[in-house]
Amino acid sequence: MSCAIEKDVLLNVIDIYKDMPYLWRGEHKDYSKKEERSEGFKVLLQTYGNVDEKATVKILKRKLDYMRTTYMKELKKVR
């Protein structure tokens, strides 16, 4: 798969992820609801599956964590 397509898919995943604060915001009322979070990650996985057909929720969570960590490192460099 080309890098451009992968980038587009990852940007879509990030946009969807932003719209689901119960996946990343600890103080959200649904953050502790395992079923709600599981369904949210399945929705993200459907989009991310366009890049990696063998992806699982565990792989997706790892990818999101990696992107978040990288973003924070780059943000610190800018500040």
PDB file of N, CA and C in Angstrom:
ATOM      1  N   MET A   1       0.848  -1.174   0.000  1.00  0.00           N
ATOM      2  CA  MET A   1       0.000   0.000   0.000  1.00  0.00           C
ATOM      3  C   MET A   1       0.891   1.234   0.000  1.00  0.00           C
ATOM      4  N   SER A   2       0.489   2.231  -0.734  1.00  0.00           N
ATOM      5  CA  SER A   2       1.322   3.427  -0.836  1.00  0.00           C
ATOM      6  C   SER A   2       1.269   4.250   0.449  1.00  0.00           C
ATOM      7  N   CYS A   3       2.298   5.033   0.638  1.00  0.00           N
ATOM      8  CA  CYS A   3       2.392   5.875   1.833  1.00  0.00           C
ATOM      9  C   CYS A   3       1.278   6.914   1.878  1.00  0.00           C
ATOM     10  N   ALA A   4       0.893   7.416   0.717  1.00  0.00           N
ATOM     11  CA  ALA A   4      -0.158   8.435   0.666  1.00  0.00           C
ATOM     12  C   ALA A   4      -1.495   7.871   1.144  1.00  0.00           C
ATOM     13  N   ILE A   5      -1.804   6.659   0.720  1.00  0.00           N
ATOM     14  CA  ILE A   5      -3.056   6.024   1.146  1.00  0.00           C
ATOM     15  C   ILE A   5      -3.008   5.738   2.639  1.00  0.00           C
ATOM     16  N   GLU A   6      -1.862   5.233   3.106  1.00  0.00           N
ATOM     17  CA  GLU A   6      -1.717   4.942   4.537  1.00  0.00           C
ATOM     18  C   GLU A   6      -1.876   6.221   5.357  1.00  0.00           C
ATOM     19  N   LYS A   7      -1.297   7.307   4.879  1.00  0.00           N
ATOM     20  CA  LYS A   7      -1.413   8.586   5.581  1.00  0.00           C
ATOM     21  C   LYS A   7      -2.868   9.032   5.640  1.00  0.00           C
ATOM     22  N   ASP A   8      -3.591   8.912   4.533  1.00  0.00           N
ATOM     23  CA  ASP A   8      -5.004   9.296   4.506  1.00  0.00           C
ATOM     24  C   ASP A   8      -5.829   8.464   5.485  1.00  0.00           C
ATOM     25  N   VAL A   9      -5.565   7.167   5.512  1.00  0.00           N
ATOM     26  CA  VAL A   9      -6.304   6.283   6.422  1.00  0.00           C
ATOM     27  C   VAL A   9      -5.997   6.649   7.868  1.00  0.00           C
ATOM     28  N   LEU A  10      -4.727   6.885   8.184  1.00  0.00           N
ATOM     29  CA  LEU A  10      -4.360   7.247   9.554  1.00  0.00           C
ATOM     30  C   LEU A  10      -4.973   8.584   9.961  1.00  0.00           C
ATOM     31  N   LEU A  11      -5.046   9.521   9.043  1.00  0.00           N
ATOM     32  CA  LEU A  11      -5.704  10.797   9.347  1.00  0.00           C
ATOM     33  C   LEU A  11      -7.195  10.588   9.609  1.00  0.00           C
ATOM     34  N   ASN A  12      -7.827   9.694   8.860  1.00  0.00           N
ATOM     35  CA  ASN A  12      -9.238   9.362   9.108  1.00  0.00           C
ATOM     36  C   ASN A  12      -9.410   8.714  10.474  1.00  0.00           C
ATOM     37  N   VAL A  13      -8.493   7.809  10.824  1.00  0.00           N
ATOM     38  CA  VAL A  13      -8.549   7.150  12.136  1.00  0.00           C
ATOM     39  C   VAL A  13      -8.431   8.201  13.241  1.00  0.00           C
ATOM     40  N   ILE A  14      -7.517   9.145  13.077  1.00  0.00           N
ATOM     41  CA  ILE A  14      -7.337  10.199  14.080  1.00  0.00           C
ATOM     42  C   ILE A  14      -8.595  11.054  14.198  1.00  0.00           C
ATOM     43  N   ASP A  15      -9.213  11.397  13.079  1.00  0.00           N
ATOM     44  CA  ASP A  15     -10.450  12.189  13.115  1.00  0.00           C
ATOM     45  C   ASP A  15     -11.567  11.444  13.843  1.00  0.00           C
ATOM     46  N   ILE A  16     -11.704  10.167  13.553  1.00  0.00           N
ATOM     47  CA  ILE A  16     -12.726   9.363  14.229  1.00  0.00           C
ATOM     48  C   ILE A  16     -12.409   9.258  15.715  1.00  0.00           C
ATOM     49  N   TYR A  17     -11.134   9.046  16.031  1.00  0.00           N
ATOM     50  CA  TYR A  17     -10.677   8.927  17.419  1.00  0.00           C
ATOM     51  C   TYR A  17     -10.989  10.202  18.205  1.00  0.00           C
ATOM     52  N   LYS A  18     -10.805  11.362  17.574  1.00  0.00           N
ATOM     53  CA  LYS A  18     -11.111  12.642  18.225  1.00  0.00           C
ATOM     54  C   LYS A  18     -12.591  12.743  18.565  1.00  0.00           C
ATOM     55  N   ASP A  19     -13.438  12.164  17.712  1.00  0.00           N
ATOM     56  CA  ASP A  19     -14.883  12.225  17.922  1.00  0.00           C
ATOM     57  C   ASP A  19     -15.376  11.237  18.972  1.00  0.00           C
ATOM     58  N   MET A  20     -14.473  10.436  19.522  1.00  0.00           N
ATOM     59  CA  MET A  20     -14.829   9.442  20.536  1.00  0.00           C
ATOM     60  C   MET A  20     -14.026   9.702  21.811  1.00  0.00           C
ATOM     61  N   PRO A  21     -14.353  10.758  22.548  1.00  0.00           N
ATOM     62  CA  PRO A  21     -13.552  11.100  23.727  1.00  0.00           C
ATOM     63  C   PRO A  21     -13.579  10.029  24.815  1.00  0.00           C
ATOM     64  N   TYR A  22     -14.557   9.152  24.797  1.00  0.00           N
ATOM     65  CA  TYR A  22     -14.605   8.089  25.794  1.00  0.00           C
ATOM     66  C   TYR A  22     -13.487   7.068  25.601  1.00  0.00           C
ATOM     67  N   LEU A  23     -12.762   7.150  24.479  1.00  0.00           N
ATOM     68  CA  LEU A  23     -11.618   6.265  24.262  1.00  0.00           C
ATOM     69  C   LEU A  23     -10.336   6.845  24.844  1.00  0.00           C
ATOM     70  N   TRP A  24     -10.251   8.152  24.998  1.00  0.00           N
ATOM     71  CA  TRP A  24      -8.991   8.757  25.403  1.00  0.00           C
ATOM     72  C   TRP A  24      -9.083   9.742  26.561  1.00  0.00           C
ATOM     73  N   ARG A  25     -10.257  10.191  26.919  1.00  0.00           N
ATOM     74  CA  ARG A  25     -10.402  11.160  28.008  1.00  0.00           C
ATOM     75  C   ARG A  25     -10.865  10.446  29.274  1.00  0.00           C
ATOM     76  N   GLY A  26      -9.961  10.338  30.237  1.00  0.00           N
ATOM     77  CA  GLY A  26     -10.231   9.590  31.462  1.00  0.00           C
ATOM     78  C   GLY A  26     -11.409  10.084  32.268  1.00  0.00           C
ATOM     79  N   GLU A  27     -11.696  11.376  32.200  1.00  0.00           N
ATOM     80  CA  GLU A  27     -12.803  11.910  32.994  1.00  0.00           C
ATOM     81  C   GLU A  27     -14.155  11.800  32.284  1.00  0.00           C
ATOM     82  N   HIS A  28     -14.171  11.274  31.070  1.00  0.00           N
ATOM     83  CA  HIS A  28     -15.433  11.105  30.335  1.00  0.00           C
ATOM     84  C   HIS A  28     -16.298  10.066  31.048  1.00  0.00           C
ATOM     85  N   LYS A  29     -17.603  10.290  31.072  1.00  0.00           N
ATOM     86  CA  LYS A  29     -18.513   9.404  31.815  1.00  0.00           C
ATOM     87  C   LYS A  29     -18.520   7.970  31.287  1.00  0.00           C
ATOM     88  N   ASP A  30     -18.230   7.767  30.005  1.00  0.00           N
ATOM     89  CA  ASP A  30     -18.241   6.423  29.426  1.00  0.00           C
ATOM     90  C   ASP A  30     -16.855   5.785  29.344  1.00  0.00           C
ATOM     91  N   TYR A  31     -15.835   6.474  29.836  1.00  0.00           N
ATOM     92  CA  TYR A  31     -14.470   5.959  29.746  1.00  0.00           C
ATOM     93  C   TYR A  31     -14.328   4.609  30.447  1.00  0.00           C
ATOM     94  N   SER A  32     -15.020   4.425  31.541  1.00  0.00           N
ATOM     95  CA  SER A  32     -14.887   3.184  32.307  1.00  0.00           C
ATOM     96  C   SER A  32     -15.824   2.071  31.817  1.00  0.00           C
ATOM     97  N   LYS A  33     -16.645   2.352  30.822  1.00  0.00           N
ATOM     98  CA  LYS A  33     -17.559   1.343  30.281  1.00  0.00           C
ATOM     99  C   LYS A  33     -16.834   0.525  29.215  1.00  0.00           C
ATOM    100  N   LYS A  34     -16.479  -0.686  29.588  1.00  0.00           N
ATOM    101  CA  LYS A  34     -15.666  -1.537  28.725  1.00  0.00           C
ATOM    102  C   LYS A  34     -16.349  -1.833  27.387  1.00  0.00           C
ATOM    103  N   GLU A  35     -17.641  -2.102  27.410  1.00  0.00           N
ATOM    104  CA  GLU A  35     -18.371  -2.425  26.179  1.00  0.00           C
ATOM    105  C   GLU A  35     -18.390  -1.236  25.219  1.00  0.00           C
ATOM    106  N   GLU A  36     -18.613  -0.054  25.767  1.00  0.00           N
ATOM    107  CA  GLU A  36     -18.646   1.165  24.945  1.00  0.00           C
ATOM    108  C   GLU A  36     -17.289   1.392  24.276  1.00  0.00           C
ATOM    109  N   ARG A  37     -16.226   1.260  25.054  1.00  0.00           N
ATOM    110  CA  ARG A  37     -14.877   1.453  24.519  1.00  0.00           C
ATOM    111  C   ARG A  37     -14.538   0.381  23.487  1.00  0.00           C
ATOM    112  N   SER A  38     -14.954  -0.841  23.755  1.00  0.00           N
ATOM    113  CA  SER A  38     -14.689  -1.942  22.830  1.00  0.00           C
ATOM    114  C   SER A  38     -15.350  -1.685  21.479  1.00  0.00           C
ATOM    115  N   GLU A  39     -16.586  -1.226  21.497  1.00  0.00           N
ATOM    116  CA  GLU A  39     -17.290  -0.902  20.256  1.00  0.00           C
ATOM    117  C   GLU A  39     -16.601   0.244  19.517  1.00  0.00           C
ATOM    118  N   GLY A  40     -16.139   1.229  20.262  1.00  0.00           N
ATOM    119  CA  GLY A  40     -15.428   2.345  19.643  1.00  0.00           C
ATOM    120  C   GLY A  40     -14.159   1.894  18.942  1.00  0.00           C
ATOM    121  N   PHE A  41     -13.411   1.007  19.594  1.00  0.00           N
ATOM    122  CA  PHE A  41     -12.184   0.507  18.976  1.00  0.00           C
ATOM    123  C   PHE A  41     -12.489  -0.363  17.754  1.00  0.00           C
ATOM    124  N   LYS A  42     -13.618  -1.051  17.768  1.00  0.00           N
ATOM    125  CA  LYS A  42     -13.998  -1.847  16.596  1.00  0.00           C
ATOM    126  C   LYS A  42     -14.297  -0.941  15.400  1.00  0.00           C
ATOM    127  N   VAL A  43     -14.921   0.194  15.664  1.00  0.00           N
ATOM    128  CA  VAL A  43     -15.192   1.162  14.594  1.00  0.00           C
ATOM    129  C   VAL A  43     -13.873   1.675  14.019  1.00  0.00           C
ATOM    130  N   LEU A  44     -12.941   2.008  14.895  1.00  0.00           N
ATOM    131  CA  LEU A  44     -11.626   2.463  14.435  1.00  0.00           C
ATOM    132  C   LEU A  44     -10.904   1.371  13.661  1.00  0.00           C
ATOM    133  N   LEU A  45     -11.044   0.143  14.109  1.00  0.00           N
ATOM    134  CA  LEU A  45     -10.374  -0.980  13.461  1.00  0.00           C
ATOM    135  C   LEU A  45     -10.891  -1.189  12.043  1.00  0.00           C
ATOM    136  N   GLN A  46     -12.167  -0.945  11.817  1.00  0.00           N
ATOM    137  CA  GLN A  46     -12.714  -1.074  10.463  1.00  0.00           C
ATOM    138  C   GLN A  46     -12.023  -0.104   9.511  1.00  0.00           C
ATOM    139  N   THR A  47     -11.759   1.099   9.977  1.00  0.00           N
ATOM    140  CA  THR A  47     -11.061   2.082   9.142  1.00  0.00           C
ATOM    141  C   THR A  47      -9.592   1.722   9.007  1.00  0.00           C
ATOM    142  N   TYR A  48      -8.947   1.378  10.118  1.00  0.00           N
ATOM    143  CA  TYR A  48      -7.518   1.044  10.097  1.00  0.00           C
ATOM    144  C   TYR A  48      -7.264  -0.236   9.309  1.00  0.00           C
ATOM    145  N   GLY A  49      -8.256  -1.095   9.198  1.00  0.00           N
ATOM    146  CA  GLY A  49      -8.124  -2.338   8.438  1.00  0.00           C
ATOM    147  C   GLY A  49      -7.809  -2.115   6.971  1.00  0.00           C
ATOM    148  N   ASN A  50      -8.052  -0.924   6.462  1.00  0.00           N
ATOM    149  CA  ASN A  50      -7.695  -0.604   5.078  1.00  0.00           C
ATOM    150  C   ASN A  50      -6.187  -0.546   4.883  1.00  0.00           C
ATOM    151  N   VAL A  51      -5.441  -0.306   5.952  1.00  0.00           N
ATOM    152  CA  VAL A  51      -3.981  -0.252   5.895  1.00  0.00           C
ATOM    153  C   VAL A  51      -3.388  -1.610   6.230  1.00  0.00           C
ATOM    154  N   ASP A  52      -3.887  -2.216   7.294  1.00  0.00           N
ATOM    155  CA  ASP A  52      -3.355  -3.489   7.782  1.00  0.00           C
ATOM    156  C   ASP A  52      -4.524  -4.450   7.982  1.00  0.00           C
ATOM    157  N   GLU A  53      -4.715  -5.346   7.023  1.00  0.00           N
ATOM    158  CA  GLU A  53      -5.866  -6.251   7.065  1.00  0.00           C
ATOM    159  C   GLU A  53      -5.799  -7.235   8.226  1.00  0.00           C
ATOM    160  N   LYS A  54      -4.598  -7.498   8.733  1.00  0.00           N
ATOM    161  CA  LYS A  54      -4.429  -8.442   9.839  1.00  0.00           C
ATOM    162  C   LYS A  54      -4.440  -7.749  11.198  1.00  0.00           C
ATOM    163  N   ALA A  55      -4.753  -6.478  11.219  1.00  0.00           N
ATOM    164  CA  ALA A  55      -4.721  -5.697  12.456  1.00  0.00           C
ATOM    165  C   ALA A  55      -5.777  -6.181  13.440  1.00  0.00           C
ATOM    166  N   THR A  56      -5.438  -6.075  14.700  1.00  0.00           N
ATOM    167  CA  THR A  56      -6.359  -6.380  15.791  1.00  0.00           C
ATOM    168  C   THR A  56      -6.529  -5.115  16.628  1.00  0.00           C
ATOM    169  N   VAL A  57      -7.427  -5.174  17.583  1.00  0.00           N
ATOM    170  CA  VAL A  57      -7.627  -4.030  18.473  1.00  0.00           C
ATOM    171  C   VAL A  57      -6.337  -3.752  19.242  1.00  0.00           C
ATOM    172  N   LYS A  58      -5.643  -4.797  19.640  1.00  0.00           N
ATOM    173  CA  LYS A  58      -4.384  -4.633  20.371  1.00  0.00           C
ATOM    174  C   LYS A  58      -3.354  -3.886  19.519  1.00  0.00           C
ATOM    175  N   ILE A  59      -3.237  -4.251  18.259  1.00  0.00           N
ATOM    176  CA  ILE A  59      -2.304  -3.581  17.347  1.00  0.00           C
ATOM    177  C   ILE A  59      -2.725  -2.124  17.148  1.00  0.00           C
ATOM    178  N   LEU A  60      -4.019  -1.893  16.998  1.00  0.00           N
ATOM    179  CA  LEU A  60      -4.524  -0.530  16.821  1.00  0.00           C
ATOM    180  C   LEU A  60      -4.214   0.331  18.044  1.00  0.00           C
ATOM    181  N   LYS A  61      -4.434  -0.207  19.239  1.00  0.00           N
ATOM    182  CA  LYS A  61      -4.140   0.538  20.465  1.00  0.00           C
ATOM    183  C   LYS A  61      -2.655   0.879  20.537  1.00  0.00           C
ATOM    184  N   ARG A  62      -1.809  -0.066  20.150  1.00  0.00           N
ATOM    185  CA  ARG A  62      -0.366   0.167  20.152  1.00  0.00           C
ATOM    186  C   ARG A  62      -0.003   1.279  19.162  1.00  0.00           C
ATOM    187  N   LYS A  63      -0.628   1.266  17.997  1.00  0.00           N
ATOM    188  CA  LYS A  63      -0.378   2.289  16.978  1.00  0.00           C
ATOM    189  C   LYS A  63      -0.816   3.666  17.484  1.00  0.00           C
ATOM    190  N   LEU A  64      -1.979   3.745  18.104  1.00  0.00           N
ATOM    191  CA  LEU A  64      -2.462   5.011  18.650  1.00  0.00           C
ATOM    192  C   LEU A  64      -1.530   5.521  19.746  1.00  0.00           C
ATOM    193  N   ASP A  65      -1.067   4.613  20.598  1.00  0.00           N
ATOM    194  CA  ASP A  65      -0.141   4.983  21.666  1.00  0.00           C
ATOM    195  C   ASP A  65       1.167   5.512  21.085  1.00  0.00           C
ATOM    196  N   TYR A  66       1.654   4.843  20.052  1.00  0.00           N
ATOM    197  CA  TYR A  66       2.885   5.277  19.393  1.00  0.00           C
ATOM    198  C   TYR A  66       2.716   6.673  18.791  1.00  0.00           C
ATOM    199  N   MET A  67       1.602   6.905  18.118  1.00  0.00           N
ATOM    200  CA  MET A  67       1.367   8.215  17.507  1.00  0.00           C
ATOM    201  C   MET A  67       1.250   9.301  18.573  1.00  0.00           C
ATOM    202  N   ARG A  68       0.574   8.992  19.685  1.00  0.00           N
ATOM    203  CA  ARG A  68       0.424   9.958  20.773  1.00  0.00           C
ATOM    204  C   ARG A  68       1.786  10.300  21.378  1.00  0.00           C
ATOM    205  N   THR A  69       2.612   9.276  21.612  1.00  0.00           N
ATOM    206  CA  THR A  69       3.940   9.483  22.183  1.00  0.00           C
ATOM    207  C   THR A  69       4.813  10.312  21.247  1.00  0.00           C
ATOM    208  N   THR A  70       4.786   9.984  19.974  1.00  0.00           N
ATOM    209  CA  THR A  70       5.571  10.723  18.988  1.00  0.00           C
ATOM    210  C   THR A  70       5.112  12.174  18.911  1.00  0.00           C
ATOM    211  N   TYR A  71       3.816  12.391  18.952  1.00  0.00           N
ATOM    212  CA  TYR A  71       3.273  13.748  18.917  1.00  0.00           C
ATOM    213  C   TYR A  71       3.774  14.558  20.113  1.00  0.00           C
ATOM    214  N   MET A  72       3.732  13.961  21.303  1.00  0.00           N
ATOM    215  CA  MET A  72       4.177  14.667  22.501  1.00  0.00           C
ATOM    216  C   MET A  72       5.668  14.992  22.438  1.00  0.00           C
ATOM    217  N   LYS A  73       6.476  14.083  21.915  1.00  0.00           N
ATOM    218  CA  LYS A  73       7.914  14.338  21.774  1.00  0.00           C
ATOM    219  C   LYS A  73       8.166  15.498  20.822  1.00  0.00           C
ATOM    220  N   GLU A  74       7.458  15.506  19.700  1.00  0.00           N
ATOM    221  CA  GLU A  74       7.625  16.584  18.726  1.00  0.00           C
ATOM    222  C   GLU A  74       7.125  17.913  19.288  1.00  0.00           C
ATOM    223  N   LEU A  75       6.055  17.874  20.053  1.00  0.00           N
ATOM    224  CA  LEU A  75       5.520  19.083  20.667  1.00  0.00           C
ATOM    225  C   LEU A  75       6.527  19.677  21.648  1.00  0.00           C
ATOM    226  N   LYS A  76       7.204  18.831  22.411  1.00  0.00           N
ATOM    227  CA  LYS A  76       8.229  19.307  23.348  1.00  0.00           C
ATOM    228  C   LYS A  76       9.388  19.962  22.610  1.00  0.00           C
ATOM    229  N   LYS A  77       9.738  19.442  21.440  1.00  0.00           N
ATOM    230  CA  LYS A  77      10.827  20.029  20.656  1.00  0.00           C
ATOM    231  C   LYS A  77      10.475  21.443  20.206  1.00  0.00           C
ATOM    232  N   VAL A  78       9.221  21.653  19.867  1.00  0.00           N
ATOM    233  CA  VAL A  78       8.772  22.947  19.364  1.00  0.00           C
ATOM    234  C   VAL A  78       8.726  23.980  20.483  1.00  0.00           C
ATOM    235  N   ARG A  79       8.389  23.551  21.671  1.00  0.00           N
ATOM    236  CA  ARG A  79       8.249  24.481  22.811  1.00  0.00           C
ATOM    237  C   ARG A  79       9.550  24.889  23.327  1.00  0.00           C
TER     238      ARG A  79
END
